[in-house]
């Protein structure tokens, strides 16, 4: 299997089990080795008392993209530490896109940058995620 094939199969398995991302209304729109793209259309129930997208919703979108990117190699991986900076508000009706990209992967640790933009290219948030591999895989790879 190519790295892209592995990423697509791992992503499909994760998506099948990811009730939280589906509950938020997210969509996995792209996956490749060390990279994932997810989108979310901001609905009224995503907005806080200021009538802007709740920071927790933006974080969840970035975190989900991060999860798919860091599991794209078929090694069970979880978040060890995340830091997010909110740069602009998301508004009801916005289509937010989170792009997660692997910067570094060695041993059990990885570093990923995730940026969230709206449909106009306005940067909403930047997140840095540190991952930690744990035992197991999403699927058993066939030996050649």
Protein backbone atom coordinates (compact mmCIF):
# COMPACT_ATOMS: atom_id res chain seq x y z
CA UNK A 1 0.00 0.00 0.00
CA UNK A 2 1.18 3.52 -0.72
CA UNK A 3 1.25 6.11 2.07
CA UNK A 4 -1.83 7.73 0.46
CA UNK A 5 -3.65 4.35 0.43
CA UNK A 6 -2.78 3.83 4.10
CA UNK A 7 -3.98 7.35 4.97
CA UNK A 8 -7.27 6.87 3.12
CA UNK A 9 -7.97 3.51 4.76
CA UNK A 10 -7.01 4.81 8.23
CA UNK A 11 -9.18 7.89 7.66
CA UNK A 12 -12.17 5.82 6.57
CA UNK A 13 -11.91 3.63 9.66
CA UNK A 14 -11.52 6.60 11.98
CA UNK A 15 -14.41 8.44 10.32
CA UNK A 16 -16.60 5.38 10.75
CA UNK A 17 -15.98 5.51 14.50
CA UNK A 18 -15.92 9.30 14.98
CA UNK A 19 -19.37 10.15 16.29
CA UNK A 20 -18.13 13.40 17.86
CA UNK A 21 -16.94 15.00 14.61
CA UNK A 22 -20.15 13.94 12.87
CA UNK A 23 -22.23 15.31 15.76
CA UNK A 24 -20.55 18.71 15.36
CA UNK A 25 -21.40 18.62 11.63
CA UNK A 26 -17.82 18.27 10.38
CA UNK A 27 -16.80 16.68 7.11
CA UNK A 28 -13.49 15.04 6.31
CA UNK A 29 -12.74 16.44 2.85
CA UNK A 30 -9.14 15.34 2.28
CA UNK A 31 -6.59 12.99 3.80
CA UNK A 32 -3.06 12.06 2.87
CA UNK A 33 0.06 10.97 4.71
CA UNK A 34 0.52 13.48 7.54
CA UNK A 35 -2.24 15.77 6.29
CA UNK A 36 -5.99 16.15 6.73
CA UNK A 37 -8.59 18.75 5.81
CA UNK A 38 -11.95 19.10 7.57
CA UNK A 39 -14.80 21.55 7.13
CA UNK A 40 -17.68 22.78 9.25
CA UNK A 41 -20.51 25.15 8.41
CA UNK A 42 -21.21 27.31 11.47
CA UNK A 43 -24.82 26.78 12.56
CA UNK A 44 -26.78 28.72 15.22
CA UNK A 45 -26.07 26.00 17.81
CA UNK A 46 -22.31 26.53 17.30
CA UNK A 47 -22.56 30.18 18.39
CA UNK A 48 -21.98 31.59 21.86
CA UNK A 49 -23.53 34.52 23.75
CA UNK A 50 -21.70 36.99 21.52
CA UNK A 51 -23.37 35.46 18.43
CA UNK A 52 -19.97 34.24 17.15
CA UNK A 53 -18.69 30.69 16.77
CA UNK A 54 -17.80 29.24 20.16
CA UNK A 55 -14.05 28.81 20.62
CA UNK A 56 -14.59 25.23 21.71
CA UNK A 57 -16.21 24.46 18.36
CA UNK A 58 -13.28 25.98 16.47
CA UNK A 59 -10.89 24.02 18.68
CA UNK A 60 -12.86 20.82 18.07
CA UNK A 61 -12.61 21.32 14.29
CA UNK A 62 -8.85 21.92 14.48
CA UNK A 63 -8.41 19.00 16.89
CA UNK A 64 -10.33 16.63 14.62
CA UNK A 65 -8.22 17.58 11.60
CA UNK A 66 -5.13 17.06 13.78
CA UNK A 67 -6.40 13.62 14.83
CA UNK A 68 -6.90 12.47 11.25
CA UNK A 69 -3.49 13.81 10.17
CA UNK A 70 -1.58 12.18 13.00
CA UNK A 71 -3.35 8.82 12.58
CA UNK A 72 -2.87 8.79 8.80
CA UNK A 73 0.11 6.42 9.06
CA UNK A 74 -1.99 3.67 10.72
CA UNK A 75 -0.35 4.04 14.13
CA UNK A 76 -2.80 4.74 16.96
CA UNK A 77 -1.98 8.28 18.01
CA UNK A 78 -3.51 10.72 20.48
CA UNK A 79 -3.02 14.37 21.37
CA UNK A 80 -0.41 15.02 24.01
CA UNK A 81 -0.61 18.81 24.03
CA UNK A 82 -2.36 21.49 21.96
CA UNK A 83 -2.08 25.27 21.86
CA UNK A 84 -4.59 27.36 19.93
CA UNK A 85 -4.61 31.05 19.09
CA UNK A 86 -7.92 32.61 18.04
CA UNK A 87 -7.31 35.31 15.44
CA UNK A 88 -10.77 36.32 14.16
CA UNK A 89 -14.36 35.31 14.91
CA UNK A 90 -16.24 32.69 12.99
CA UNK A 91 -19.81 33.70 12.23
CA UNK A 92 -23.05 31.85 11.62
CA UNK A 93 -23.07 30.64 8.01
CA UNK A 94 -19.27 30.63 7.67
CA UNK A 95 -17.71 27.52 6.20
CA UNK A 96 -14.63 26.88 8.31
CA UNK A 97 -11.82 24.75 6.93
CA UNK A 98 -9.12 23.24 9.13
CA UNK A 99 -5.92 22.07 7.44
CA UNK A 100 -3.61 19.92 9.57
CA UNK A 101 -0.06 19.23 8.40
CA UNK A 102 2.69 17.18 9.94
CA UNK A 103 5.87 19.14 10.64
CA UNK A 104 7.87 16.51 12.49
CA UNK A 105 7.51 12.84 13.34
CA UNK A 106 10.11 10.77 15.14
CA UNK A 107 9.66 7.84 17.46
CA UNK A 108 6.42 8.25 19.35
CA UNK A 109 6.16 12.05 19.06
CA UNK A 110 4.91 14.33 16.33
CA UNK A 111 4.31 18.04 15.79
CA UNK A 112 1.47 19.35 13.62
CA UNK A 113 0.34 22.79 12.56
CA UNK A 114 -3.36 23.34 11.99
CA UNK A 115 -4.84 26.49 10.54
CA UNK A 116 -8.53 27.33 10.36
CA UNK A 117 -9.89 29.71 7.73
CA UNK A 118 -13.33 30.81 6.62
CA UNK A 119 -14.68 30.68 3.07
CA UNK A 120 -13.09 34.07 2.30
CA UNK A 121 -9.61 32.96 3.33
CA UNK A 122 -9.72 34.88 6.62
CA UNK A 123 -7.54 33.10 9.17
CA UNK A 124 -9.73 32.26 12.18
CA UNK A 125 -7.27 30.27 14.32
CA UNK A 126 -3.83 28.67 14.42
CA UNK A 127 -3.19 25.55 16.45
CA UNK A 128 -0.02 23.60 17.19
CA UNK A 129 -0.62 19.99 18.17
CA UNK A 130 1.83 17.56 19.71
CA UNK A 131 0.96 13.91 19.24
CA UNK A 132 1.93 10.75 21.05
CA UNK A 133 1.78 7.28 19.48
CA UNK A 134 0.17 4.61 21.61
CA UNK A 135 0.09 0.84 21.08
CA UNK A 136 -1.95 -0.55 18.22
CA UNK A 137 -3.03 0.26 14.71
CA UNK A 138 -6.31 1.11 13.03
CA UNK A 139 -6.06 -1.90 10.72
CA UNK A 140 -3.76 -4.82 10.08
CA UNK A 141 -1.56 -4.22 7.08
CA UNK A 142 -0.98 -7.07 4.70
CA UNK A 143 2.62 -8.17 4.36
CA UNK A 144 4.02 -8.44 0.87
